C-alpha atoms as a PDB file:
ATOM      1  CA  MET A   1     -40.907 -17.477  -1.307  1.00  0.00           C
ATOM      2  CA  THR A   2     -39.442 -20.792  -0.248  1.00  0.00           C
ATOM      3  CA  LEU A   3     -41.630 -20.769   2.867  1.00  0.00           C
ATOM      4  CA  ILE A   4     -44.719 -20.165   0.708  1.00  0.00           C
ATOM      5  CA  SER A   5     -43.685 -23.100  -1.478  1.00  0.00           C
ATOM      6  CA  ILE A   6     -43.271 -25.265   1.626  1.00  0.00           C
ATOM      7  CA  ASN A   7     -46.748 -24.250   2.769  1.00  0.00           C
ATOM      8  CA  LEU A   8     -48.285 -25.264  -0.560  1.00  0.00           C
ATOM      9  CA  ILE A   9     -46.351 -28.536  -0.479  1.00  0.00           C
ATOM     10  CA  CYS A  10     -47.872 -29.183   2.950  1.00  0.00           C
ATOM     11  CA  GLU A  11     -51.333 -28.509   1.502  1.00  0.00           C
ATOM     12  CA  VAL A  12     -50.800 -30.958  -1.367  1.00  0.00           C
ATOM     13  CA  LEU A  13     -49.469 -33.671   0.943  1.00  0.00           C
ATOM     14  CA  SER A  14     -52.333 -33.033   3.345  1.00  0.00           C
ATOM     15  CA  LEU A  15     -54.857 -33.425   0.519  1.00  0.00           C
ATOM     16  CA  HIS A  16     -53.423 -36.800  -0.515  1.00  0.00           C
ATOM     17  CA  PHE A  17     -53.156 -38.118   3.052  1.00  0.00           C
ATOM     18  CA  THR A  18     -56.714 -36.994   3.838  1.00  0.00           C
ATOM     19  CA  LYS A  19     -58.104 -38.799   0.790  1.00  0.00           C
ATOM     20  CA  ILE A  20     -56.229 -41.945   1.832  1.00  0.00           C
ATOM     21  CA  ILE A  21     -57.431 -41.805   5.459  1.00  0.00           C
ATOM     22  CA  LEU A  22     -61.106 -40.907   4.871  1.00  0.00           C
ATOM     23  CA  ASN A  23     -63.663 -42.874   2.910  1.00  0.00           C
ATOM     24  CA  ALA A  24     -65.299 -41.602  -0.280  1.00  0.00           C
ATOM     25  CA  GLU A  25     -68.326 -40.044   1.506  1.00  0.00           C
ATOM     26  CA  LEU A  26     -66.137 -37.864   3.748  1.00  0.00           C
ATOM     27  CA  THR A  27     -63.701 -36.628   1.075  1.00  0.00           C
ATOM     28  CA  SER A  28     -66.074 -33.937  -0.175  1.00  0.00           C
ATOM     29  CA  TYR A  29     -64.451 -30.476   0.065  1.00  0.00           C
ATOM     30  CA  GLY A  30     -67.532 -29.222   1.930  1.00  0.00           C
ATOM     31  CA  SER A  31     -67.360 -31.915   4.590  1.00  0.00           C
ATOM     32  CA  PRO A  32     -66.405 -30.635   8.101  1.00  0.00           C
ATOM     33  CA  THR A  33     -64.537 -33.873   8.757  1.00  0.00           C
ATOM     34  CA  PHE A  34     -62.495 -33.381   5.596  1.00  0.00           C
ATOM     35  CA  PHE A  35     -61.772 -29.758   6.560  1.00  0.00           C
ATOM     36  CA  ILE A  36     -60.662 -30.572  10.129  1.00  0.00           C
ATOM     37  CA  THR A  37     -58.572 -33.563   9.069  1.00  0.00           C
ATOM     38  CA  SER A  38     -56.803 -31.702   6.259  1.00  0.00           C
ATOM     39  CA  ILE A  39     -56.024 -28.702   8.492  1.00  0.00           C
ATOM     40  CA  THR A  40     -54.622 -31.001  11.195  1.00  0.00           C
ATOM     41  CA  ILE A  41     -52.406 -32.887   8.767  1.00  0.00           C
ATOM     42  CA  THR A  42     -51.220 -29.618   7.165  1.00  0.00           C
ATOM     43  CA  THR A  43     -50.278 -28.246  10.592  1.00  0.00           C
ATOM     44  CA  LEU A  44     -48.381 -31.394  11.553  1.00  0.00           C
ATOM     45  CA  ILE A  45     -46.448 -31.409   8.278  1.00  0.00           C
ATOM     46  CA  GLY A  46     -45.677 -27.695   8.674  1.00  0.00           C
ATOM     47  CA  VAL A  47     -44.363 -28.207  12.199  1.00  0.00           C
ATOM     48  CA  ALA A  48     -42.181 -31.054  10.945  1.00  0.00           C
ATOM     49  CA  TRP A  49     -40.741 -28.774   8.243  1.00  0.00           C
ATOM     50  CA  ILE A  50     -39.994 -26.056  10.808  1.00  0.00           C
ATOM     51  CA  VAL A  51     -38.197 -28.532  13.075  1.00  0.00           C
ATOM     52  CA  ILE A  52     -36.137 -29.818  10.140  1.00  0.00           C
ATOM     53  CA  LEU A  53     -35.172 -26.289   9.098  1.00  0.00           C
ATOM     54  CA  LYS A  54     -34.312 -25.274  12.667  1.00  0.00           C
ATOM     55  CA  PHE A  55     -31.962 -28.142  13.417  1.00  0.00           C
ATOM     56  CA  SER A  56     -30.423 -28.746   9.992  1.00  0.00           C
ATOM     57  CA  ILE A  57     -29.975 -25.236   8.601  1.00  0.00           C
ATOM     58  CA  VAL A  58     -30.490 -22.384  11.017  1.00  0.00           C
ATOM     59  CA  LYS A  59     -28.505 -24.052  13.783  1.00  0.00           C
ATOM     60  CA  GLU A  60     -25.063 -22.802  12.757  1.00  0.00           C
ATOM     61  CA  ALA A  61     -25.969 -19.929  10.467  1.00  0.00           C
ATOM     62  CA  LYS A  62     -26.261 -16.294  11.425  1.00  0.00           C
ATOM     63  CA  SER A  63     -29.527 -14.895  10.143  1.00  0.00           C
ATOM     64  CA  GLU A  64     -28.085 -11.372  10.262  1.00  0.00           C
ATOM     65  CA  LEU A  65     -25.581 -12.129   7.515  1.00  0.00           C
ATOM     66  CA  SER A  66     -26.414 -10.372   4.297  1.00  0.00           C
ATOM     67  CA  THR A  67     -27.064 -12.426   1.155  1.00  0.00           C
ATOM     68  CA  ASN A  68     -25.670 -11.559  -2.235  1.00  0.00           C
ATOM     69  CA  LEU A  69     -28.429  -9.803  -4.212  1.00  0.00           C
ATOM     70  CA  SER A  70     -27.574 -11.375  -7.561  1.00  0.00           C
ATOM     71  CA  PHE A  71     -27.641 -14.861  -5.991  1.00  0.00           C
ATOM     72  CA  ILE A  72     -31.116 -14.187  -4.577  1.00  0.00           C
ATOM     73  CA  VAL A  73     -32.365 -12.950  -7.969  1.00  0.00           C
ATOM     74  CA  ILE A  74     -31.086 -16.140  -9.615  1.00  0.00           C
ATOM     75  CA  LEU A  75     -32.775 -18.433  -7.065  1.00  0.00           C
ATOM     76  CA  LEU A  76     -36.083 -16.554  -6.803  1.00  0.00           C
ATOM     77  CA  PRO A  77     -37.642 -18.097  -9.964  1.00  0.00           C
ATOM     78  CA  ILE A  78     -37.384 -21.584  -8.411  1.00  0.00           C
ATOM     79  CA  PRO A  79     -39.772 -21.018  -5.470  1.00  0.00           C
ATOM     80  CA  ILE A  80     -41.991 -18.781  -7.630  1.00  0.00           C
ATOM     81  CA  LEU A  81     -42.394 -21.494 -10.263  1.00  0.00           C
ATOM     82  CA  SER A  82     -42.974 -24.010  -7.472  1.00  0.00           C
ATOM     83  CA  ILE A  83     -45.844 -21.885  -6.185  1.00  0.00           C
ATOM     84  CA  ILE A  84     -47.391 -21.687  -9.659  1.00  0.00           C
ATOM     85  CA  ILE A  85     -47.051 -25.448 -10.248  1.00  0.00           C
ATOM     86  CA  LEU A  86     -48.449 -26.431  -6.853  1.00  0.00           C
ATOM     87  CA  PHE A  87     -51.275 -23.902  -7.042  1.00  0.00           C
ATOM     88  CA  GLY A  88     -52.258 -25.260 -10.450  1.00  0.00           C
ATOM     89  CA  LEU A  89     -52.097 -28.778  -9.053  1.00  0.00           C
ATOM     90  CA  LEU A  90     -54.376 -27.879  -6.142  1.00  0.00           C
ATOM     91  CA  ILE A  91     -57.086 -26.191  -8.207  1.00  0.00           C
ATOM     92  CA  GLY A  92     -56.790 -28.599 -11.140  1.00  0.00           C
ATOM     93  CA  ASN A  93     -59.061 -31.546 -11.755  1.00  0.00           C
ATOM     94  CA  ASN A  94     -56.358 -33.997 -12.735  1.00  0.00           C
ATOM     95  CA  ASN A  95     -57.144 -37.552 -11.640  1.00  0.00           C
ATOM     96  CA  ASP A  96     -53.745 -38.918 -12.634  1.00  0.00           C
ATOM     97  CA  LYS A  97     -52.349 -39.788  -9.189  1.00  0.00           C
ATOM     98  CA  ILE A  98     -48.958 -40.809 -10.553  1.00  0.00           C
ATOM     99  CA  SER A  99     -48.483 -37.407 -12.216  1.00  0.00           C
ATOM    100  CA  GLU A 100     -49.556 -35.573  -9.056  1.00  0.00           C
ATOM    101  CA  ILE A 101     -47.172 -37.566  -6.874  1.00  0.00           C
ATOM    102  CA  THR A 102     -44.299 -37.160  -9.355  1.00  0.00           C
ATOM    103  CA  ILE A 103     -44.797 -33.386  -9.605  1.00  0.00           C
ATOM    104  CA  THR A 104     -45.103 -33.007  -5.831  1.00  0.00           C
ATOM    105  CA  ILE A 105     -41.943 -35.019  -5.127  1.00  0.00           C
ATOM    106  CA  SER A 106     -40.029 -33.103  -7.817  1.00  0.00           C
ATOM    107  CA  VAL A 107     -41.057 -29.744  -6.368  1.00  0.00           C
ATOM    108  CA  ILE A 108     -40.165 -30.884  -2.835  1.00  0.00           C
ATOM    109  CA  PHE A 109     -36.723 -32.014  -3.967  1.00  0.00           C
ATOM    110  CA  LEU A 110     -36.146 -28.806  -5.932  1.00  0.00           C
ATOM    111  CA  ASN A 111     -36.987 -26.575  -2.960  1.00  0.00           C
ATOM    112  CA  ILE A 112     -34.853 -28.666  -0.600  1.00  0.00           C
ATOM    113  CA  CYS A 113     -31.945 -28.036  -2.975  1.00  0.00           C
ATOM    114  CA  VAL A 114     -32.695 -24.303  -2.881  1.00  0.00           C
ATOM    115  CA  ILE A 115     -32.737 -24.323   0.929  1.00  0.00           C
ATOM    116  CA  PHE A 116     -29.370 -26.042   1.091  1.00  0.00           C
ATOM    117  CA  LEU A 117     -27.986 -23.591  -1.460  1.00  0.00           C
ATOM    118  CA  TYR A 118     -29.074 -20.799   0.895  1.00  0.00           C
ATOM    119  CA  LYS A 119     -27.308 -22.613   3.725  1.00  0.00           C
ATOM    120  CA  ILE A 120     -24.071 -22.966   1.751  1.00  0.00           C
ATOM    121  CA  THR A 121     -24.196 -19.288   0.759  1.00  0.00           C
ATOM    122  CA  ILE A 122     -24.718 -18.131   4.351  1.00  0.00           C
ATOM    123  CA  GLU A 123     -21.851 -20.306   5.591  1.00  0.00           C
ATOM    124  CA  TYR A 124     -19.580 -18.954   2.848  1.00  0.00           C
ATOM    125  CA  GLN A 125     -20.447 -15.354   3.734  1.00  0.00           C
ATOM    126  CA  LYS A 126     -19.879 -16.084   7.421  1.00  0.00           C
ATOM    127  CA  ASN A 127     -16.412 -17.447   6.644  1.00  0.00           C
ATOM    128  CA  GLN A 128     -15.634 -14.423   4.467  1.00  0.00           C
ATOM    129  CA  TYR A 129     -16.796 -12.085   7.228  1.00  0.00           C
ATOM    130  CA  ASP A 130     -14.643 -13.888   9.818  1.00  0.00           C
ATOM    131  CA  LEU A 131     -11.629 -13.714   7.495  1.00  0.00           C
ATOM    132  CA  THR A 132     -12.118  -9.980   6.969  1.00  0.00           C
ATOM    133  CA  LEU A 133     -12.468  -9.395  10.696  1.00  0.00           C
ATOM    134  CA  ARG A 134      -9.346 -11.427  11.499  1.00  0.00           C
ATOM    135  CA  LYS A 135      -7.393  -9.551   8.842  1.00  0.00           C
ATOM    136  CA  LYS A 136      -8.441  -6.195  10.312  1.00  0.00           C
ATOM    137  CA  ASN A 137      -7.540  -7.386  13.807  1.00  0.00           C
ATOM    138  CA  ILE A 138      -4.091  -8.470  12.636  1.00  0.00           C
ATOM    139  CA  GLU A 139      -3.547  -5.079  10.978  1.00  0.00           C
ATOM    140  CA  VAL A 140      -4.509  -3.236  14.172  1.00  0.00           C
ATOM    141  CA  GLU A 141      -2.317  -5.495  16.322  1.00  0.00           C
ATOM    142  CA  TYR A 142       0.572  -5.011  13.893  1.00  0.00           C
ATOM    143  CA  ARG A 143       0.248  -1.229  14.170  1.00  0.00           C
ATOM    144  CA  ILE A 144       0.157  -1.472  17.966  1.00  0.00           C
ATOM    145  CA  LEU A 145       3.258  -3.706  17.965  1.00  0.00           C
ATOM    146  CA  ASN A 146       5.131  -1.227  15.782  1.00  0.00           C
ATOM    147  CA  GLU A 147       4.071   1.591  18.087  1.00  0.00           C
ATOM    148  CA  ILE A 148       5.373  -0.344  21.111  1.00  0.00           C
ATOM    149  CA  LYS A 149       8.705  -0.951  19.361  1.00  0.00           C
ATOM    150  CA  ARG A 150       8.966   2.709  18.418  1.00  0.00           C
ATOM    151  CA  ASN A 151       8.161   3.797  21.964  1.00  0.00           C
ATOM    152  CA  ARG A 152      10.766   1.420  23.377  1.00  0.00           C
ATOM    153  CA  THR A 153      13.386   2.834  21.023  1.00  0.00           C
ATOM    154  CA  ASN A 154      12.444   6.361  22.079  1.00  0.00           C
ATOM    155  CA  VAL A 155      12.680   5.410  25.766  1.00  0.00           C
ATOM    156  CA  LEU A 156      16.169   3.938  25.305  1.00  0.00           C
ATOM    157  CA  LYS A 157      17.250   7.018  23.396  1.00  0.00           C
ATOM    158  CA  LEU A 158      15.757   9.304  26.033  1.00  0.00           C
ATOM    159  CA  LYS A 159      17.494   7.366  28.794  1.00  0.00           C
ATOM    160  CA  HIS A 160      20.821   7.822  27.032  1.00  0.00           C
ATOM    161  CA  ASP A 161      20.234  11.538  26.461  1.00  0.00           C
ATOM    162  CA  LEU A 162      19.105  12.184  30.027  1.00  0.00           C
ATOM    163  CA  LYS A 163      22.553  11.335  31.354  1.00  0.00           C
ATOM    164  CA  ASN A 164      24.149  14.057  29.237  1.00  0.00           C
ATOM    165  CA  GLN A 165      21.378  16.505  30.138  1.00  0.00           C
ATOM    166  CA  TYR A 166      21.841  15.898  33.852  1.00  0.00           C
ATOM    167  CA  LEU A 167      25.571  16.519  33.483  1.00  0.00           C
ATOM    168  CA  THR A 168      24.850  19.786  31.685  1.00  0.00           C
ATOM    169  CA  ILE A 169      22.380  20.919  34.365  1.00  0.00           C
ATOM    170  CA  LEU A 170      24.811  19.930  37.107  1.00  0.00           C
ATOM    171  CA  GLY A 171      27.537  22.015  35.459  1.00  0.00           C
ATOM    172  CA  LEU A 172      25.261  25.062  35.209  1.00  0.00           C
ATOM    173  CA  ILE A 173      24.259  24.777  38.873  1.00  0.00           C
ATOM    174  CA  GLU A 174      27.855  24.368  40.041  1.00  0.00           C
ATOM    175  CA  ASN A 175      28.725  27.558  38.149  1.00  0.00           C
ATOM    176  CA  GLU A 176      25.738  29.253  39.844  1.00  0.00           C
ATOM    177  CA  GLU A 177      24.056  29.825  36.480  1.00  0.00           C
ATOM    178  CA  VAL A 178      20.595  29.060  37.893  1.00  0.00           C
ATOM    179  CA  ASN A 179      18.545  30.962  35.291  1.00  0.00           C
ATOM    180  CA  GLU A 180      20.369  29.222  32.450  1.00  0.00           C
ATOM    181  CA  ALA A 181      19.730  25.868  34.153  1.00  0.00           C
ATOM    182  CA  ILE A 182      15.993  26.634  34.422  1.00  0.00           C
ATOM    183  CA  ASP A 183      15.810  27.637  30.738  1.00  0.00           C
ATOM    184  CA  TYR A 184      17.652  24.460  29.758  1.00  0.00           C
ATOM    185  CA  ILE A 185      15.205  22.302  31.749  1.00  0.00           C
ATOM    186  CA  LYS A 186      12.218  24.017  30.096  1.00  0.00           C
ATOM    187  CA  SER A 187      13.683  23.533  26.625  1.00  0.00           C
ATOM    188  CA  SER A 188      14.232  19.827  27.325  1.00  0.00           C
ATOM    189  CA  PHE A 189      10.455  19.351  27.616  1.00  0.00           C
ATOM    190  CA  ASP A 190      10.183  19.817  23.847  1.00  0.00           C
ATOM    191  CA  ILE A 191      11.579  16.339  23.253  1.00  0.00           C
ATOM    192  CA  LEU A 192       8.618  14.788  25.041  1.00  0.00           C
ATOM    193  CA  GLU A 193       5.675  13.821  22.878  1.00  0.00           C
ATOM    194  CA  PRO A 194       2.211  15.090  23.814  1.00  0.00           C
ATOM    195  CA  PRO A 195       0.373  12.633  26.077  1.00  0.00           C
ATOM    196  CA  THR A 196      -2.141  10.270  24.500  1.00  0.00           C
ATOM    197  CA  LYS A 197      -5.700  11.360  25.097  1.00  0.00           C
ATOM    198  CA  THR A 198      -8.333   8.921  26.312  1.00  0.00           C
ATOM    199  CA  TYR A 199     -11.474   8.691  24.197  1.00  0.00           C
ATOM    200  CA  ALA A 200     -12.505   5.079  24.849  1.00  0.00           C
ATOM    201  CA  ALA A 201     -11.959   2.534  27.618  1.00  0.00           C
ATOM    202  CA  ASP A 202     -10.934  -0.096  25.056  1.00  0.00           C
ATOM    203  CA  GLY A 203      -7.210   0.211  24.310  1.00  0.00           C
ATOM    204  CA  VAL A 204      -7.427  -0.719  20.614  1.00  0.00           C
ATOM    205  CA  LEU A 205     -10.273   1.713  19.893  1.00  0.00           C
ATOM    206  CA  ASN A 206      -8.594   4.509  21.874  1.00  0.00           C
ATOM    207  CA  TYR A 207      -5.316   3.954  20.032  1.00  0.00           C
ATOM    208  CA  LEU A 208      -7.099   4.049  16.663  1.00  0.00           C
ATOM    209  CA  LEU A 209      -8.865   7.339  17.499  1.00  0.00           C
ATOM    210  CA  ASN A 210      -5.586   8.947  18.571  1.00  0.00           C
ATOM    211  CA  GLU A 211      -3.863   7.729  15.404  1.00  0.00           C
ATOM    212  CA  LYS A 212      -6.635   8.979  13.095  1.00  0.00           C
ATOM    213  CA  LEU A 213      -6.740  12.415  14.732  1.00  0.00           C
ATOM    214  CA  ALA A 214      -2.941  12.645  14.543  1.00  0.00           C
ATOM    215  CA  GLU A 215      -3.076  11.693  10.850  1.00  0.00           C
ATOM    216  CA  ALA A 216      -5.670  14.412  10.229  1.00  0.00           C
ATOM    217  CA  ARG A 217      -3.488  17.056  11.897  1.00  0.00           C
ATOM    218  CA  LYS A 218      -0.475  15.858   9.898  1.00  0.00           C
ATOM    219  CA  ASN A 219      -2.438  16.446   6.665  1.00  0.00           C
ATOM    220  CA  GLN A 220      -3.448  19.981   7.706  1.00  0.00           C
ATOM    221  CA  ILE A 221      -7.048  18.961   8.370  1.00  0.00           C
ATOM    222  CA  ASN A 222      -8.908  20.949  11.005  1.00  0.00           C
ATOM    223  CA  VAL A 223     -10.794  18.532  13.254  1.00  0.00           C
ATOM    224  CA  ASP A 224     -13.543  19.198  15.777  1.00  0.00           C
ATOM    225  CA  HIS A 225     -14.603  16.216  17.834  1.00  0.00           C
ATOM    226  CA  GLN A 226     -16.924  15.129  20.613  1.00  0.00           C
ATOM    227  CA  ILE A 227     -15.897  11.569  21.439  1.00  0.00           C
ATOM    228  CA  PHE A 228     -16.864   9.378  24.356  1.00  0.00           C
ATOM    229  CA  VAL A 229     -17.207   5.587  24.321  1.00  0.00           C
ATOM    230  CA  SER A 230     -17.744   4.091  27.786  1.00  0.00           C
ATOM    231  CA  LYS A 231     -16.355   0.817  29.099  1.00  0.00           C
ATOM    232  CA  ASN A 232     -19.869  -0.662  29.431  1.00  0.00           C
ATOM    233  CA  ILE A 233     -20.204  -1.299  25.723  1.00  0.00           C
ATOM    234  CA  LYS A 234     -21.241  -4.894  25.014  1.00  0.00           C
ATOM    235  CA  ILE A 235     -20.627  -5.259  21.270  1.00  0.00           C
ATOM    236  CA  ASN A 236     -17.407  -6.495  19.705  1.00  0.00           C
ATOM    237  CA  ASN A 237     -14.932  -3.611  19.957  1.00  0.00           C
ATOM    238  CA  ASP A 238     -12.934  -5.022  17.044  1.00  0.00           C
ATOM    239  CA  VAL A 239     -15.909  -4.615  14.710  1.00  0.00           C
ATOM    240  CA  LEU A 240     -16.678  -1.161  16.131  1.00  0.00           C
ATOM    241  CA  THR A 241     -13.045  -0.163  15.560  1.00  0.00           C
ATOM    242  CA  ILE A 242     -13.270  -1.228  11.914  1.00  0.00           C
ATOM    243  CA  VAL A 243     -16.495   0.741  11.347  1.00  0.00           C
ATOM    244  CA  ILE A 244     -15.237   3.942  13.006  1.00  0.00           C
ATOM    245  CA  GLY A 245     -11.792   3.623  11.414  1.00  0.00           C
ATOM    246  CA  ASN A 246     -13.235   3.236   7.905  1.00  0.00           C
ATOM    247  CA  ILE A 247     -15.553   6.234   8.292  1.00  0.00           C
ATOM    248  CA  ILE A 248     -12.777   8.527   9.549  1.00  0.00           C
ATOM    249  CA  ASP A 249     -10.432   7.219   6.823  1.00  0.00           C
ATOM    250  CA  ASN A 250     -13.031   8.139   4.200  1.00  0.00           C
ATOM    251  CA  ALA A 251     -13.312  11.666   5.620  1.00  0.00           C
ATOM    252  CA  ILE A 252      -9.517  12.112   5.733  1.00  0.00           C
ATOM    253  CA  GLN A 253      -9.033  10.831   2.175  1.00  0.00           C
ATOM    254  CA  ALA A 254     -11.766  13.123   0.836  1.00  0.00           C
ATOM    255  CA  SER A 255     -10.251  16.097   2.694  1.00  0.00           C
ATOM    256  CA  LYS A 256      -6.772  15.448   1.282  1.00  0.00           C
ATOM    257  CA  ARG A 257      -8.134  15.925  -2.247  1.00  0.00           C
ATOM    258  CA  ILE A 258      -9.201  19.531  -1.624  1.00  0.00           C
ATOM    259  CA  LYS A 259      -7.278  22.702  -0.778  1.00  0.00           C
ATOM    260  CA  PRO A 260      -5.748  22.818   2.729  1.00  0.00           C
ATOM    261  CA  ILE A 261      -7.748  25.927   3.597  1.00  0.00           C
ATOM    262  CA  ASP A 262     -11.015  24.000   3.037  1.00  0.00           C
ATOM    263  CA  ARG A 263     -10.039  20.845   4.933  1.00  0.00           C
ATOM    264  CA  TYR A 264     -12.379  20.340   7.861  1.00  0.00           C
ATOM    265  CA  VAL A 265     -13.739  17.213   9.594  1.00  0.00           C
ATOM    266  CA  ASN A 266     -16.240  17.029  12.437  1.00  0.00           C
ATOM    267  CA  ILE A 267     -16.469  13.791  14.473  1.00  0.00           C
ATOM    268  CA  ILE A 268     -19.232  13.002  16.973  1.00  0.00           C
ATOM    269  CA  ILE A 269     -19.252   9.670  18.824  1.00  0.00           C
ATOM    270  CA  LYS A 270     -21.453   9.592  21.906  1.00  0.00           C
ATOM    271  CA  GLN A 271     -24.002   7.631  23.888  1.00  0.00           C
ATOM    272  CA  VAL A 272     -27.700   8.430  23.542  1.00  0.00           C
ATOM    273  CA  ASN A 273     -29.606   6.358  26.092  1.00  0.00           C
ATOM    274  CA  ASN A 274     -28.487   2.766  25.357  1.00  0.00           C
ATOM    275  CA  ASP A 275     -27.561   3.501  21.746  1.00  0.00           C
ATOM    276  CA  LEU A 276     -24.296   4.625  20.173  1.00  0.00           C
ATOM    277  CA  PHE A 277     -24.506   7.660  17.875  1.00  0.00           C
ATOM    278  CA  ILE A 278     -21.730   8.256  15.326  1.00  0.00           C
ATOM    279  CA  GLU A 279     -21.598  11.167  12.885  1.00  0.00           C
ATOM    280  CA  VAL A 280     -18.653  12.182  10.720  1.00  0.00           C
ATOM    281  CA  SER A 281     -18.848  15.090   8.277  1.00  0.00           C
ATOM    282  CA  ASN A 282     -16.244  16.636   6.001  1.00  0.00           C
ATOM    283  CA  ASN A 283     -15.810  19.135   3.201  1.00  0.00           C
ATOM    284  CA  TYR A 284     -15.361  17.487  -0.178  1.00  0.00           C
ATOM    285  CA  ASN A 285     -15.071  18.119  -3.892  1.00  0.00           C
ATOM    286  CA  SER A 286     -18.641  17.843  -5.210  1.00  0.00           C
ATOM    287  CA  GLU A 287     -17.404  16.752  -8.657  1.00  0.00           C
ATOM    288  CA  GLU A 288     -16.187  13.432  -7.219  1.00  0.00           C
ATOM    289  CA  ILE A 289     -19.704  12.038  -6.887  1.00  0.00           C
ATOM    290  CA  PHE A 290     -20.274  12.393 -10.625  1.00  0.00           C
ATOM    291  CA  THR A 291     -16.788  11.766 -12.039  1.00  0.00           C
ATOM    292  CA  ARG A 292     -15.483   8.853  -9.905  1.00  0.00           C
ATOM    293  CA  LYS A 293     -17.930   5.951  -9.968  1.00  0.00           C
ATOM    294  CA  HIS A 294     -15.477   3.574  -8.299  1.00  0.00           C
ATOM    295  CA  ARG A 295     -15.932   5.639  -5.126  1.00  0.00           C
ATOM    296  CA  LYS A 296     -18.891   3.353  -4.347  1.00  0.00           C
ATOM    297  CA  ASP A 297     -16.405   0.809  -3.067  1.00  0.00           C
ATOM    298  CA  LYS A 298     -14.065   3.379  -1.503  1.00  0.00           C
ATOM    299  CA  GLY A 299     -14.407   6.841   0.068  1.00  0.00           C
ATOM    300  CA  LEU A 300     -17.945   7.923  -0.700  1.00  0.00           C
ATOM    301  CA  GLY A 301     -19.263   4.347  -0.892  1.00  0.00           C
ATOM    302  CA  MET A 302     -20.611   2.797   2.309  1.00  0.00           C
ATOM    303  CA  LYS A 303     -21.292  -0.775   1.174  1.00  0.00           C
ATOM    304  CA  ASN A 304     -18.514  -2.394   3.221  1.00  0.00           C
ATOM    305  CA  ILE A 305     -19.438  -0.420   6.317  1.00  0.00           C
ATOM    306  CA  GLY A 306     -23.096  -1.318   5.743  1.00  0.00           C
ATOM    307  CA  ASP A 307     -22.258  -5.031   5.760  1.00  0.00           C
ATOM    308  CA  LEU A 308     -20.544  -4.694   9.149  1.00  0.00           C
ATOM    309  CA  LEU A 309     -23.386  -2.588  10.543  1.00  0.00           C
ATOM    310  CA  GLN A 310     -25.824  -5.334   9.683  1.00  0.00           C
ATOM    311  CA  GLN A 311     -23.899  -7.595  12.046  1.00  0.00           C
ATOM    312  CA  LEU A 312     -24.110  -5.008  14.837  1.00  0.00           C
ATOM    313  CA  GLY A 313     -27.810  -4.278  14.383  1.00  0.00           C
ATOM    314  CA  GLY A 314     -27.217  -0.683  13.321  1.00  0.00           C
ATOM    315  CA  ILE A 315     -28.489   1.717  10.681  1.00  0.00           C
ATOM    316  CA  GLN A 316     -26.714   4.308   8.572  1.00  0.00           C
ATOM    317  CA  ARG A 317     -27.539   7.375   6.547  1.00  0.00           C
ATOM    318  CA  HIS A 318     -25.228   9.397   4.355  1.00  0.00           C
ATOM    319  CA  TRP A 319     -26.076  12.591   2.512  1.00  0.00           C
ATOM    320  CA  THR A 320     -24.636  15.861   1.238  1.00  0.00           C
ATOM    321  CA  LYS A 321     -25.496  19.414   2.181  1.00  0.00           C
ATOM    322  CA  GLU A 322     -23.924  22.207   0.192  1.00  0.00           C
ATOM    323  CA  ARG A 323     -20.243  21.146   0.068  1.00  0.00           C
ATOM    324  CA  ARG A 324     -20.266  18.870   3.104  1.00  0.00           C
ATOM    325  CA  TYR A 325     -20.611  15.104   3.190  1.00  0.00           C
ATOM    326  CA  PHE A 326     -22.321  13.522   6.224  1.00  0.00           C
ATOM    327  CA  VAL A 327     -22.315   9.960   7.526  1.00  0.00           C
ATOM    328  CA  THR A 328     -24.614   9.175  10.448  1.00  0.00           C
ATOM    329  CA  ILE A 329     -24.723   5.784  12.156  1.00  0.00           C
ATOM    330  CA  VAL A 330     -26.831   4.566  15.065  1.00  0.00           C
ATOM    331  CA  ILE A 331     -26.059   1.206  16.688  1.00  0.00           C
ATOM    332  CA  PHE A 332     -28.886   0.139  18.976  1.00  0.00           C
ATOM    333  CA  ASN A 333     -28.724  -1.338  22.466  1.00  0.00           C
ATOM    334  CA  VAL A 334     -24.940  -1.477  22.792  1.00  0.00           C
ATOM    335  CA  TYR A 335     -24.550  -0.565  26.465  1.00  0.00           C
ATOM    336  CA  LYS A 336     -24.903  -2.821  29.486  1.00  0.00           C
ATOM    337  CA  GLY A 337     -26.950  -1.925  32.529  1.00  0.00           C
ATOM    338  CA  ASN A 338     -29.502   0.821  32.947  1.00  0.00           C
ATOM    339  CA  LYS A 339     -30.193   3.493  30.399  1.00  0.00           C
ATOM    340  CA  CYS A 340     -28.527   6.793  30.870  1.00  0.00           C
ATOM    341  CA  GLY A 341     -29.522   9.792  28.853  1.00  0.00           C
ATOM    342  CA  ASP A 342     -27.213  12.011  26.898  1.00  0.00           C
ATOM    343  CA  ASN A 343     -26.623  15.394  28.451  1.00  0.00           C
END
């Protein structure tokens, strides 16, 4: 709407400049000279507006950032009224030049204010987005640091215990109790934790996937998964980690609210050509959709994830089928190099 207002402003300014430049005989609306001159001036003014917008507003703002809907609704009447005023001014027969100039300048100033309000809003949302991303990164790094500390403690404990175990094995061998020594060695393997599986080349993302799957198993949730994220991904892995982590969290939380026998989550994360396909589905209590409206901002709601997807250039769809809840996400053109099809 603002761009339409700018276009009409250009037309009004062009009309005044043309009347000033040309003499009375050539200012007839049917005159070719008047037509060519007015179009030329309109184009020049329009180009000037575009240059101003490019270097003063769009320069540091991300066009992908979403704008608050209520803010847009509040500002929309301003450019709409500007269009009505300028259109009436163009088709009107008012010979009061002072009134025309005053109205035109007022409308120009009003729309410039609207444009700068848009700029301030976009910058504010960008700062909020950066703060959210930094907060998520700190949380992930904090979890990794705690995991490193816990692993170090386990290693020190294991090192201390190994000495006693070796002494025990040595005693069994010296007494020629070989079978007992073998059984003791096998039983000692139980203290070792299962090895971490590799799902993604990025360490943070791989750690998150292992943690989420371990959390699901801890809560008696049956999980089937097909996960592969290659190292050639070119988008910000921190953002991708937040998106995937939130979706799996939603599925786990919904599963925890139903009977253990019904808890089931299916996770698919794979490459399809140069795009990344993500689908997470889970059993859920169908009454939640109708009885818990605040879920729009939590489990069943996807608004926060949708805001992040807009930054990545992705799309999402979520739906229910029978007693299963599905979330499907496609993020386009995320892999470097040549396309490779999904097998």
